[in-house]
Amino acid sequence: MLLSVGIVLFSLIIGNLIMAGGIIRITETQLGQRLMTTARTVATIPNVQKSIQEPDGWKVIQPTANSLRVVNDVTYIVVLNRERVRYSDPIDERIGTVFMDPAVDEAYAEHSYFQKVKGEMGTALRAYVPIMDDQHQQVGVVLVGRVMPDVWGILYSERNNIALTFFFSLLFGVWGSYQLARHMKKQMLDLEPDEIARILVERTATFHAMHEGVIAIDNRERITIFNDRAKQIFGIEGEVLGKHIRSVLHDTRLPEVLELRQNFTNTEIHVGNTLLWSNRFLIKVEEKIVGAIAIFQDRTEVARMAEELTGVKEFVGALRVQNHEHMNHLHTIAGLLQLHQHEKALAYLFEVNEQQEELTSFLTTRIMDENLSGLLIGKVSRGRELGIRVVIDRRSHLECFPPYMDHHNFVLILGNLIENAFDSLERIEREDKEIMISIEQDEEICSILVEDNGIGMDEETRQRMLERGYSTKERAHRGLGLHLVQQLVNKGGGELVCHSARGEGASFLITFPMGEVESFGEG
């Protein structure tokens, strides 16, 4: 409160100084106008216009000028003829002498003006007006001057107005500052500034000490909180408070909370190459939405470990299948040798080796990722064991992964889609069981196609196939594969299209844009 009163007093002092300056300027302006009026009055008197042209005209002009000087309360009136000889002057001895001051030069060019000058009597305002005769010819000049009162004299003359202004300004200023202080303290929950500063410091330290990332924005999407853990997760350096959230994180999902006016809890979000487990909430003050806050954990490493384990599981299964397949080949060769069918055994060996080499050569040439090639070789072998023909389109090729995607994501997508196809074919009686796989890529898109002629899906199953935990199989821990595939498709900004009918198999086509895209997370 004392600070507010002090500020008001200081403002009043500054305001009164400015007002004093204004009063002085107004006084000078009004005095200059009055002097100019007096000078024009003298210049238009007929006797003055006539007498200024006569040698002894001063006898008429001097008394007239003195009378007007007293009436108009001016210090002096000086009348000059064309030769600058004084015909009127407050000091009688100067009459008839020449006026030498060059300040009068412009008046002899028929100009009217006033100026501030320093003379024998002090600083004065002086008005200059030319004297014109009946033929509009200049015959002389009138100078009217008044000594300026000092600053204190001017202020003293306006003392009542200044005092009233100061009093009422102080009264309403103190009252207004008191009301403003009360309102501000109420807005700050009746806390003193030092208490607010302490709470802010403690809150900031708490946010930065948290293991979770915390980001908060206001209604204009300006960052109000961005703790150290959040900077570490996103690789942000420097100060970001006050910046627009989209300029710092271009694929942020936090403004969505403000746009939809709802909270999102326990949500997986892909931001760039980072997988986050996020809770996002509206910030409300007295039921008014003032911003949004996100509290999240980086699950990228955990998810990558899970993907690695899933990939390892796939490769272990592929090795097991290949082991069985090689054992069957060895048994066949051993049987032919025991039957002394050496040529058939050799031909069989060459045939098996040629098939394997052809597939391996094709994949290593067309698919530029060993992990994906190994997965496909394993799935082809597993298909042989199950009596299912796995066909890889010979037009397939893959040179690089789409943005936000890597070999872990492609292994999970293809692995789940092919395993679903195996499950579908195991539940149908058909001689020509087949799975067709195609991976194609150009400058604009990358596509994955997996088709089977298995049991297919009805409309309800097709509509719900991406739901977490939904499955038509009775075994436990099902209903996660296609849900995970959809998450990875969202991560890469892609699209999944499924065509299926009961008894006619299923076709899954996934396309990813190869250009820079926005990654969309779940929820």
Protein backbone atom coordinates (compact mmCIF):
# COMPACT_ATOMS: atom_id res chain seq x y z
CA MET A 1 0.00 0.00 0.00
CA LEU A 2 2.79 2.43 0.91
CA LEU A 3 4.47 1.67 -2.38
CA SER A 4 1.24 2.54 -4.22
CA VAL A 5 0.93 5.87 -2.36
CA GLY A 6 4.57 6.65 -3.08
CA ILE A 7 4.07 5.96 -6.76
CA VAL A 8 0.98 8.20 -6.78
CA LEU A 9 2.88 11.07 -5.11
CA PHE A 10 5.79 10.72 -7.51
CA SER A 11 3.37 10.70 -10.45
CA LEU A 12 1.64 13.82 -9.10
CA ILE A 13 4.95 15.67 -8.78
CA ILE A 14 5.91 14.78 -12.33
CA GLY A 15 2.41 15.67 -13.51
CA ASN A 16 2.50 19.06 -11.79
CA LEU A 17 5.90 19.84 -13.28
CA ILE A 18 4.50 19.06 -16.72
CA MET A 19 1.42 21.15 -15.93
CA ALA A 20 3.63 24.06 -14.80
CA GLY A 21 5.47 23.90 -18.11
CA GLY A 22 2.14 23.92 -19.89
CA ILE A 23 0.96 26.94 -17.91
CA ILE A 24 4.13 28.84 -18.82
CA ARG A 25 3.70 27.99 -22.52
CA ILE A 26 0.05 29.02 -22.48
CA THR A 27 0.91 32.27 -20.70
CA GLU A 28 3.54 33.09 -23.31
CA THR A 29 1.13 32.29 -26.15
CA GLN A 30 -1.67 34.41 -24.70
CA LEU A 31 0.72 37.30 -24.01
CA GLY A 32 2.11 37.10 -27.54
CA GLN A 33 -1.40 37.25 -29.01
CA ARG A 34 -2.25 40.26 -26.82
CA LEU A 35 0.94 42.05 -27.88
CA MET A 36 0.19 41.31 -31.53
CA THR A 37 -3.33 42.73 -31.13
CA THR A 38 -1.98 45.90 -29.52
CA ALA A 39 0.63 46.35 -32.27
CA ARG A 40 -1.98 45.97 -35.00
CA THR A 41 -4.22 48.45 -33.25
CA VAL A 42 -1.43 51.05 -33.21
CA ALA A 43 -0.51 50.32 -36.86
CA THR A 44 -4.10 50.91 -38.04
CA ILE A 45 -4.65 54.26 -36.29
CA PRO A 46 -4.98 56.90 -39.09
CA ASN A 47 -3.06 59.57 -37.14
CA VAL A 48 -0.16 57.18 -36.71
CA GLN A 49 -0.19 56.23 -40.41
CA LYS A 50 -0.20 59.93 -41.38
CA SER A 51 2.20 61.34 -38.75
CA ILE A 52 4.87 58.66 -39.34
CA GLN A 53 5.53 60.32 -42.69
CA GLU A 54 6.09 63.83 -41.19
CA PRO A 55 9.37 65.01 -39.57
CA ASP A 56 7.64 66.12 -36.37
CA GLY A 57 5.03 63.41 -36.39
CA TRP A 58 6.43 62.06 -33.11
CA LYS A 59 4.51 64.80 -31.33
CA VAL A 60 1.26 63.03 -32.23
CA ILE A 61 2.49 59.44 -32.08
CA GLN A 62 4.30 59.54 -28.71
CA PRO A 63 1.23 60.57 -26.60
CA THR A 64 -0.97 58.09 -28.47
CA ALA A 65 1.52 55.26 -27.88
CA ASN A 66 1.88 56.07 -24.18
CA SER A 67 -1.90 56.04 -23.70
CA LEU A 68 -2.25 52.66 -25.42
CA ARG A 69 0.74 51.27 -23.46
CA VAL A 70 -1.01 52.04 -20.18
CA VAL A 71 -4.42 50.83 -21.34
CA ASN A 72 -3.10 47.49 -22.72
CA ASP A 73 -0.62 46.90 -19.87
CA VAL A 74 2.48 46.54 -22.02
CA THR A 75 6.03 47.55 -21.16
CA TYR A 76 6.76 49.61 -24.25
CA ILE A 77 5.48 50.65 -27.68
CA VAL A 78 8.08 51.72 -30.25
CA VAL A 79 7.04 53.22 -33.58
CA LEU A 80 9.66 53.44 -36.37
CA ASN A 81 9.49 55.16 -39.75
CA ARG A 82 10.97 53.77 -42.98
CA GLU A 83 14.48 54.87 -41.91
CA ARG A 84 14.06 53.11 -38.53
CA VAL A 85 13.92 56.43 -36.68
CA ARG A 86 12.00 56.23 -33.40
CA TYR A 87 8.73 58.21 -33.34
CA SER A 88 7.69 56.63 -30.06
CA ASP A 89 9.68 55.10 -27.17
CA PRO A 90 9.15 54.65 -23.40
CA ILE A 91 12.31 56.75 -22.88
CA ASP A 92 11.76 60.22 -24.32
CA GLU A 93 15.49 60.80 -24.97
CA ARG A 94 15.48 58.04 -27.58
CA ILE A 95 12.91 59.70 -29.82
CA GLY A 96 14.57 60.66 -33.08
CA THR A 97 17.33 58.07 -32.77
CA VAL A 98 17.80 55.12 -35.09
CA PHE A 99 16.68 51.63 -33.95
CA MET A 100 19.68 49.33 -34.67
CA ASP A 101 18.33 45.93 -33.59
CA PRO A 102 18.39 43.55 -36.67
CA ALA A 103 15.43 41.63 -35.23
CA VAL A 104 13.17 44.21 -36.92
CA ASP A 105 14.41 43.42 -40.44
CA GLU A 106 11.59 41.00 -41.30
CA ALA A 107 8.96 43.55 -40.27
CA TYR A 108 10.27 45.88 -42.99
CA ALA A 109 9.46 43.08 -45.46
CA GLU A 110 5.77 43.43 -44.48
CA HIS A 111 5.83 40.47 -42.08
CA SER A 112 3.99 40.35 -38.73
CA TYR A 113 5.50 38.16 -36.00
CA PHE A 114 6.49 37.99 -32.35
CA GLN A 115 9.61 36.65 -30.65
CA LYS A 116 11.26 36.33 -27.24
CA VAL A 117 14.23 38.66 -26.77
CA LYS A 118 16.58 39.68 -23.98
CA GLY A 119 16.82 43.39 -23.43
CA GLU A 120 17.83 45.92 -20.80
CA MET A 121 14.69 45.20 -18.77
CA GLY A 122 15.05 41.44 -18.94
CA THR A 123 13.50 38.72 -21.11
CA ALA A 124 10.56 40.09 -23.01
CA LEU A 125 8.05 39.09 -25.67
CA ARG A 126 7.95 41.49 -28.58
CA ALA A 127 5.42 41.79 -31.44
CA TYR A 128 6.34 43.35 -34.79
CA VAL A 129 3.67 44.73 -37.19
CA PRO A 130 4.31 46.82 -40.36
CA ILE A 131 2.49 50.20 -40.77
CA MET A 132 0.78 50.57 -44.15
CA ASP A 133 -0.63 53.83 -45.66
CA ASP A 134 -3.81 54.29 -47.70
CA GLN A 135 -2.02 53.11 -50.86
CA HIS A 136 -0.91 49.92 -49.06
CA GLN A 137 2.68 51.08 -49.02
CA GLN A 138 4.75 50.35 -45.93
CA VAL A 139 5.66 53.52 -44.06
CA GLY A 140 6.94 52.14 -40.78
CA VAL A 141 6.92 49.43 -38.09
CA VAL A 142 5.28 49.08 -34.66
CA LEU A 143 7.10 47.16 -31.86
CA VAL A 144 5.07 46.24 -28.79
CA GLY A 145 6.90 44.50 -25.94
CA ARG A 146 6.24 43.26 -22.45
CA VAL A 147 8.74 41.98 -19.92
CA MET A 148 7.99 38.34 -19.08
CA PRO A 149 7.18 37.56 -15.43
CA ASP A 150 9.46 34.97 -13.83
CA VAL A 151 8.43 31.30 -13.51
CA TRP A 152 7.44 31.62 -9.87
CA GLY A 153 5.36 34.65 -10.66
CA ILE A 154 3.45 32.74 -13.34
CA LEU A 155 2.91 29.75 -11.04
CA TYR A 156 1.90 32.01 -8.17
CA SER A 157 -0.77 33.57 -10.30
CA GLU A 158 -2.18 30.10 -10.96
CA ARG A 159 -1.69 28.86 -7.39
CA ASN A 160 -5.37 28.18 -6.75
CA ASN A 161 -5.84 26.05 -9.86
CA ILE A 162 -2.61 24.14 -9.18
CA ALA A 163 -3.57 23.49 -5.55
CA LEU A 164 -7.05 22.21 -6.46
CA THR A 165 -5.66 19.98 -9.20
CA PHE A 166 -3.02 18.56 -6.87
CA PHE A 167 -5.52 17.94 -4.07
CA PHE A 168 -8.12 16.12 -6.15
CA SER A 169 -5.47 14.16 -8.07
CA LEU A 170 -3.93 13.04 -4.78
CA LEU A 171 -7.32 12.15 -3.31
CA PHE A 172 -8.51 10.05 -6.25
CA GLY A 173 -5.00 8.64 -6.86
CA VAL A 174 -4.70 7.32 -3.29
CA TRP A 175 -8.26 5.98 -3.37
CA GLY A 176 -7.71 4.33 -6.75
CA SER A 177 -4.38 2.80 -5.70
CA TYR A 178 -6.02 1.43 -2.56
CA GLN A 179 -8.82 -0.19 -4.57
CA LEU A 180 -6.34 -1.54 -7.13
CA ALA A 181 -4.16 -2.99 -4.36
CA ARG A 182 -7.19 -4.72 -2.79
CA HIS A 183 -8.25 -6.14 -6.16
CA MET A 184 -4.76 -7.37 -6.99
CA LYS A 185 -4.35 -9.00 -3.60
CA LYS A 186 -7.68 -10.76 -4.04
CA GLN A 187 -6.58 -11.96 -7.48
CA MET A 188 -3.36 -13.27 -5.90
CA LEU A 189 -5.29 -15.28 -3.27
CA ASP A 190 -4.44 -12.76 -0.52
CA LEU A 191 -0.74 -13.55 -0.83
CA GLU A 192 2.00 -11.00 -0.42
CA PRO A 193 4.55 -10.53 -3.22
CA ASP A 194 7.31 -12.28 -1.24
CA GLU A 195 5.02 -15.26 -0.64
CA ILE A 196 4.17 -15.44 -4.35
CA ALA A 197 7.87 -15.29 -5.24
CA ARG A 198 8.67 -18.09 -2.80
CA ILE A 199 5.86 -20.29 -4.13
CA LEU A 200 6.96 -19.65 -7.72
CA VAL A 201 10.56 -20.60 -6.93
CA GLU A 202 9.45 -23.77 -5.11
CA ARG A 203 7.04 -24.74 -7.90
CA THR A 204 9.69 -24.19 -10.58
CA ALA A 205 12.23 -26.25 -8.65
CA THR A 206 9.64 -29.02 -8.17
CA PHE A 207 8.79 -29.17 -11.87
CA HIS A 208 12.45 -29.35 -12.86
CA ALA A 209 13.12 -32.09 -10.30
CA MET A 210 10.35 -34.34 -11.63
CA HIS A 211 11.30 -37.45 -13.59
CA GLU A 212 8.27 -36.92 -15.83
CA GLY A 213 8.18 -34.28 -18.53
CA VAL A 214 5.81 -31.38 -17.86
CA ILE A 215 4.63 -28.86 -20.46
CA ALA A 216 1.92 -26.26 -19.92
CA ILE A 217 0.45 -23.65 -22.26
CA ASP A 218 -2.00 -20.77 -21.91
CA ASN A 219 -5.08 -20.04 -24.00
CA ARG A 220 -2.92 -18.51 -26.74
CA GLU A 221 -0.80 -21.69 -26.91
CA ARG A 222 2.17 -19.88 -25.35
CA ILE A 223 4.47 -22.04 -23.22
CA THR A 224 4.21 -21.33 -19.47
CA ILE A 225 6.00 -24.46 -18.19
CA PHE A 226 8.65 -26.57 -19.92
CA ASN A 227 10.70 -28.47 -17.35
CA ASP A 228 14.21 -29.90 -17.75
CA ARG A 229 12.97 -33.46 -18.29
CA ALA A 230 10.76 -32.32 -21.18
CA LYS A 231 13.73 -30.52 -22.75
CA GLN A 232 15.83 -33.67 -22.35
CA ILE A 233 13.18 -35.87 -23.97
CA PHE A 234 12.70 -33.60 -26.99
CA GLY A 235 16.30 -32.39 -27.27
CA ILE A 236 15.35 -28.75 -26.68
CA GLU A 237 18.00 -26.25 -25.60
CA GLY A 238 17.71 -22.69 -24.32
CA GLU A 239 14.74 -20.80 -22.90
CA VAL A 240 11.35 -21.51 -24.48
CA LEU A 241 8.94 -19.87 -22.01
CA GLY A 242 6.61 -17.47 -23.78
CA LYS A 243 7.16 -19.04 -27.20
CA HIS A 244 4.36 -20.59 -29.25
CA ILE A 245 4.23 -24.34 -28.55
CA ARG A 246 3.96 -25.21 -32.27
CA SER A 247 7.16 -23.30 -33.03
CA VAL A 248 9.04 -25.44 -30.49
CA LEU A 249 7.29 -28.81 -31.13
CA HIS A 250 5.70 -28.79 -34.57
CA ASP A 251 3.85 -32.10 -34.05
CA THR A 252 2.63 -31.41 -30.50
CA ARG A 253 -0.76 -32.75 -29.40
CA LEU A 254 -1.21 -30.44 -26.39
CA PRO A 255 -3.29 -27.71 -28.16
CA GLU A 256 -5.79 -30.47 -29.00
CA VAL A 257 -6.89 -30.37 -25.36
CA LEU A 258 -7.88 -26.70 -25.72
CA GLU A 259 -9.54 -27.23 -29.09
CA LEU A 260 -11.67 -30.19 -27.95
CA ARG A 261 -12.06 -28.94 -24.35
CA GLN A 262 -11.53 -32.39 -22.86
CA ASN A 263 -8.88 -34.33 -20.97
CA PHE A 264 -6.90 -37.28 -22.33
CA THR A 265 -5.51 -39.83 -19.88
CA ASN A 266 -3.17 -42.81 -20.27
CA THR A 267 -2.58 -42.13 -23.96
CA GLU A 268 0.27 -43.23 -26.17
CA ILE A 269 1.45 -40.42 -28.45
CA HIS A 270 4.15 -40.44 -31.09
CA VAL A 271 5.92 -37.09 -31.32
CA GLY A 272 8.63 -37.34 -33.96
CA ASN A 273 10.54 -40.52 -33.18
CA THR A 274 9.56 -40.38 -29.51
CA LEU A 275 6.85 -42.58 -27.96
CA LEU A 276 5.19 -40.91 -24.99
CA TRP A 277 2.77 -42.16 -22.35
CA SER A 278 0.80 -39.00 -21.75
CA ASN A 279 -1.87 -37.49 -19.53
CA ARG A 280 -3.21 -34.17 -20.78
CA PHE A 281 -5.56 -31.97 -18.76
CA LEU A 282 -7.33 -28.64 -19.02
CA ILE A 283 -6.22 -25.98 -16.53
CA LYS A 284 -9.24 -24.22 -14.97
CA VAL A 285 -9.44 -21.27 -12.62
CA GLU A 286 -12.93 -20.68 -11.20
CA GLU A 287 -14.38 -22.92 -13.92
CA LYS A 288 -12.73 -20.83 -16.62
CA ILE A 289 -10.27 -22.60 -18.94
CA VAL A 290 -6.95 -20.77 -18.81
CA GLY A 291 -4.63 -23.33 -20.44
CA ALA A 292 -3.60 -26.97 -20.70
CA ILE A 293 -0.90 -29.14 -19.17
CA ALA A 294 0.71 -32.40 -20.28
CA ILE A 295 2.51 -34.81 -17.96
CA PHE A 296 4.30 -37.56 -19.85
CA GLN A 297 6.93 -40.27 -19.71
CA ASP A 298 9.28 -41.30 -22.46
CA ARG A 299 8.47 -44.90 -23.34
CA THR A 300 10.60 -45.01 -26.46
CA GLU A 301 13.27 -47.25 -24.95
CA VAL A 302 10.71 -49.51 -23.27
CA ALA A 303 8.79 -49.86 -26.52
CA ARG A 304 12.00 -50.47 -28.46
CA MET A 305 12.97 -53.22 -26.01
CA ALA A 306 9.53 -54.77 -26.46
CA GLU A 307 9.92 -54.55 -30.22
CA GLU A 308 13.35 -56.11 -29.97
CA LEU A 309 11.97 -58.94 -27.86
CA THR A 310 9.11 -59.41 -30.31
CA GLY A 311 11.58 -59.47 -33.18
CA VAL A 312 13.77 -61.96 -31.33
CA LYS A 313 10.73 -64.14 -30.76
CA GLU A 314 9.94 -64.02 -34.47
CA PHE A 315 13.51 -64.98 -35.41
CA VAL A 316 13.63 -67.76 -32.81
CA GLY A 317 10.45 -69.16 -34.32
CA ALA A 318 11.95 -68.83 -37.80
CA LEU A 319 15.09 -70.69 -36.69
CA ARG A 320 12.97 -73.43 -35.16
CA VAL A 321 11.01 -73.79 -38.40
CA GLN A 322 14.19 -73.82 -40.47
CA ASN A 323 15.65 -76.47 -38.15
CA HIS A 324 12.62 -78.70 -38.70
CA GLU A 325 12.73 -78.05 -42.43
CA HIS A 326 16.43 -78.93 -42.67
CA MET A 327 15.85 -82.06 -40.58
CA ASN A 328 13.12 -83.12 -43.02
CA HIS A 329 15.45 -82.46 -45.97
CA LEU A 330 18.21 -84.51 -44.32
CA HIS A 331 15.84 -87.39 -43.61
CA THR A 332 14.71 -87.37 -47.24
CA ILE A 333 18.32 -87.37 -48.52
CA ALA A 334 19.31 -90.10 -46.04
CA GLY A 335 16.39 -92.27 -47.17
CA LEU A 336 17.30 -91.89 -50.84
CA LEU A 337 20.91 -92.80 -50.06
CA GLN A 338 19.81 -95.92 -48.14
CA LEU A 339 17.77 -96.89 -51.19
CA HIS A 340 20.92 -96.40 -53.28
CA GLN A 341 19.20 -93.58 -55.21
CA HIS A 342 22.32 -91.47 -55.27
CA GLU A 343 21.40 -89.43 -58.34
CA LYS A 344 17.93 -88.59 -56.97
CA ALA A 345 19.45 -87.63 -53.62
CA LEU A 346 21.92 -85.31 -55.36
CA ALA A 347 19.21 -83.79 -57.54
CA TYR A 348 17.00 -83.26 -54.51
CA LEU A 349 19.88 -81.57 -52.68
CA PHE A 350 20.56 -79.25 -55.63
CA GLU A 351 16.85 -78.44 -55.91
CA VAL A 352 16.54 -77.49 -52.23
CA ASN A 353 19.73 -75.47 -52.32
CA GLU A 354 18.68 -73.67 -55.51
CA GLN A 355 15.28 -72.71 -54.05
CA GLN A 356 16.88 -71.37 -50.88
CA GLU A 357 19.59 -69.48 -52.74
CA GLU A 358 17.08 -67.96 -55.16
CA LEU A 359 14.91 -66.63 -52.32
CA THR A 360 17.90 -65.38 -50.34
CA SER A 361 19.44 -63.70 -53.39
CA PHE A 362 16.14 -62.01 -54.30
CA LEU A 363 15.58 -60.66 -50.79
CA THR A 364 19.12 -59.39 -50.27
CA THR A 365 19.00 -57.65 -53.66
CA ARG A 366 15.51 -56.12 -53.44
CA ILE A 367 14.99 -55.61 -49.68
CA MET A 368 17.75 -53.40 -48.30
CA ASP A 369 17.31 -54.46 -44.67
CA GLU A 370 18.66 -57.72 -43.25
CA ASN A 371 16.12 -57.82 -40.41
CA LEU A 372 13.17 -57.68 -42.80
CA SER A 373 14.76 -60.19 -45.18
CA GLY A 374 15.38 -62.60 -42.29
CA LEU A 375 11.76 -62.26 -41.16
CA LEU A 376 10.43 -63.04 -44.65
CA ILE A 377 12.73 -66.06 -45.06
CA GLY A 378 11.51 -67.35 -41.69
CA LYS A 379 7.84 -66.85 -42.65
CA VAL A 380 8.34 -68.68 -45.97
CA SER A 381 9.87 -71.62 -44.08
CA ARG A 382 7.09 -71.59 -41.49
CA GLY A 383 4.53 -71.60 -44.28
CA ARG A 384 6.09 -74.75 -45.76
CA GLU A 385 5.88 -76.44 -42.36
CA LEU A 386 2.18 -75.52 -42.06
CA GLY A 387 1.39 -76.48 -45.63
CA ILE A 388 0.83 -72.85 -46.62
CA ARG A 389 2.45 -71.34 -49.68
CA VAL A 390 3.99 -67.97 -48.85
CA VAL A 391 4.59 -65.98 -52.06
CA ILE A 392 6.70 -62.83 -52.13
CA ASP A 393 5.89 -60.59 -55.07
CA ARG A 394 9.01 -60.46 -57.28
CA ARG A 395 8.30 -56.76 -57.97
CA SER A 396 8.86 -56.00 -54.31
CA HIS A 397 11.66 -53.65 -53.32
CA LEU A 398 12.54 -51.46 -50.36
CA GLU A 399 15.43 -49.01 -50.35
CA CYS A 400 14.69 -46.91 -47.25
CA PHE A 401 12.05 -46.57 -44.56
CA PRO A 402 9.38 -43.82 -44.50
CA PRO A 403 9.75 -40.91 -42.03
CA TYR A 404 9.34 -41.88 -38.35
CA MET A 405 9.65 -45.60 -39.22
CA ASP A 406 12.51 -48.12 -38.88
CA HIS A 407 13.14 -51.86 -39.22
CA HIS A 408 11.63 -52.56 -35.79
CA ASN A 409 8.31 -51.07 -36.92
CA PHE A 410 8.30 -52.95 -40.25
CA VAL A 411 9.18 -56.26 -38.54
CA LEU A 412 6.24 -55.81 -36.14
CA ILE A 413 3.81 -54.81 -38.90
CA LEU A 414 4.70 -57.63 -41.31
CA GLY A 415 5.11 -60.18 -38.51
CA ASN A 416 1.63 -59.50 -37.10
CA LEU A 417 -0.10 -59.37 -40.49
CA ILE A 418 1.50 -62.66 -41.65
CA GLU A 419 0.77 -64.40 -38.32
CA ASN A 420 -2.88 -63.31 -38.61
CA ALA A 421 -2.92 -64.80 -42.11
CA PHE A 422 -1.49 -68.10 -40.78
CA ASP A 423 -4.21 -68.18 -38.06
CA SER A 424 -6.89 -67.50 -40.67
CA LEU A 425 -5.65 -70.31 -42.96
CA GLU A 426 -5.33 -72.82 -40.07
CA ARG A 427 -9.08 -72.45 -39.42
CA ILE A 428 -10.20 -73.33 -42.94
CA GLU A 429 -10.10 -76.57 -44.91
CA ARG A 430 -8.56 -75.74 -48.27
CA GLU A 431 -5.93 -77.43 -50.46
CA ASP A 432 -4.33 -74.32 -51.98
CA LYS A 433 -3.62 -72.22 -48.90
CA GLU A 434 -1.66 -69.16 -49.92
CA ILE A 435 -0.32 -65.89 -48.54
CA MET A 436 0.88 -63.19 -50.91
CA ILE A 437 3.28 -60.49 -49.65
CA SER A 438 4.28 -57.34 -51.53
CA ILE A 439 6.47 -54.42 -50.46
CA GLU A 440 6.77 -51.60 -53.00
CA GLN A 441 8.20 -48.13 -52.90
CA ASP A 442 8.62 -45.04 -55.07
CA GLU A 443 9.40 -41.37 -54.41
CA GLU A 444 5.93 -40.62 -53.02
CA ILE A 445 4.70 -43.70 -51.12
CA CYS A 446 5.77 -46.99 -49.57
CA SER A 447 3.16 -49.76 -49.52
CA ILE A 448 2.84 -53.12 -47.73
CA LEU A 449 0.30 -55.64 -48.98
CA VAL A 450 -0.52 -58.95 -47.25
CA GLU A 451 -3.29 -61.10 -48.75
CA ASP A 452 -4.56 -64.56 -47.81
CA ASN A 453 -7.34 -66.88 -48.91
CA GLY A 454 -8.24 -67.89 -45.38
CA ILE A 455 -11.43 -67.76 -43.35
CA GLY A 456 -11.91 -64.00 -43.73
CA MET A 457 -13.95 -61.68 -41.50
CA ASP A 458 -17.58 -60.69 -41.20
CA GLU A 459 -18.57 -57.01 -41.10
CA GLU A 460 -18.65 -56.77 -37.29
CA THR A 461 -15.17 -58.28 -36.97
CA ARG A 462 -13.80 -55.99 -39.68
CA GLN A 463 -15.24 -52.93 -37.94
CA ARG A 464 -13.78 -53.91 -34.54
CA MET A 465 -10.50 -55.54 -35.60
CA LEU A 466 -8.37 -52.57 -34.50
CA GLU A 467 -9.84 -52.40 -30.99
CA ARG A 468 -7.39 -53.21 -28.23
CA GLY A 469 -8.20 -56.67 -26.78
CA TYR A 470 -10.80 -57.61 -29.40
CA SER A 471 -10.27 -61.08 -30.94
CA THR A 472 -12.30 -63.90 -32.47
CA LYS A 473 -9.85 -66.48 -31.03
CA GLU A 474 -10.45 -68.00 -27.63
CA ARG A 475 -6.81 -68.07 -26.59
CA ALA A 476 -5.56 -65.58 -23.99
CA HIS A 477 -3.43 -62.50 -24.76
CA ARG A 478 -5.09 -61.93 -28.10
CA GLY A 479 -6.43 -58.79 -29.74
CA LEU A 480 -3.18 -56.83 -29.56
CA GLY A 481 -1.59 -57.48 -32.97
CA LEU A 482 -3.75 -55.31 -35.25
CA HIS A 483 -4.07 -52.66 -32.53
CA LEU A 484 -0.27 -52.41 -32.44
CA VAL A 485 -0.15 -52.32 -36.25
CA GLN A 486 -2.61 -49.40 -36.30
CA GLN A 487 -0.49 -47.50 -33.78
CA LEU A 488 2.59 -47.92 -35.94
CA VAL A 489 0.64 -46.84 -39.04
CA ASN A 490 -0.43 -43.69 -37.16
CA LYS A 491 3.17 -43.10 -36.13
CA GLY A 492 4.27 -42.99 -39.77
CA GLY A 493 1.27 -40.89 -40.86
CA GLY A 494 0.10 -43.81 -43.01
CA GLU A 495 -3.22 -45.44 -43.88
CA LEU A 496 -4.48 -49.00 -43.37
CA VAL A 497 -7.17 -50.37 -45.70
CA CYS A 498 -8.70 -53.83 -45.20
CA HIS A 499 -10.93 -55.76 -47.61
CA SER A 500 -12.40 -59.02 -46.34
CA ALA A 501 -15.46 -61.21 -46.54
CA ARG A 502 -16.41 -64.38 -44.73
CA GLY A 503 -14.81 -67.39 -46.42
CA GLU A 504 -12.98 -65.26 -49.00
CA GLY A 505 -9.82 -64.34 -47.11
CA ALA A 506 -8.51 -60.89 -46.25
CA SER A 507 -6.35 -58.20 -47.83
CA PHE A 508 -4.42 -55.62 -45.77
CA LEU A 509 -2.91 -52.67 -47.64
CA ILE A 510 -0.80 -50.16 -45.71
CA THR A 511 0.60 -47.04 -47.39
CA PHE A 512 3.07 -44.57 -45.95
CA PRO A 513 3.98 -41.18 -47.49
CA MET A 514 7.71 -40.85 -48.18
CA GLY A 515 7.74 -37.07 -47.68
CA GLU A 516 7.79 -35.25 -44.35
CA VAL A 517 4.43 -35.83 -42.66
CA GLU A 518 2.74 -35.21 -39.36
CA SER A 519 2.82 -38.22 -37.05
CA PHE A 520 -0.50 -38.98 -35.37
CA GLY A 521 -0.79 -40.73 -32.05
CA GLU A 522 -3.61 -42.57 -30.45
CA GLY A 523 -6.37 -40.68 -28.65
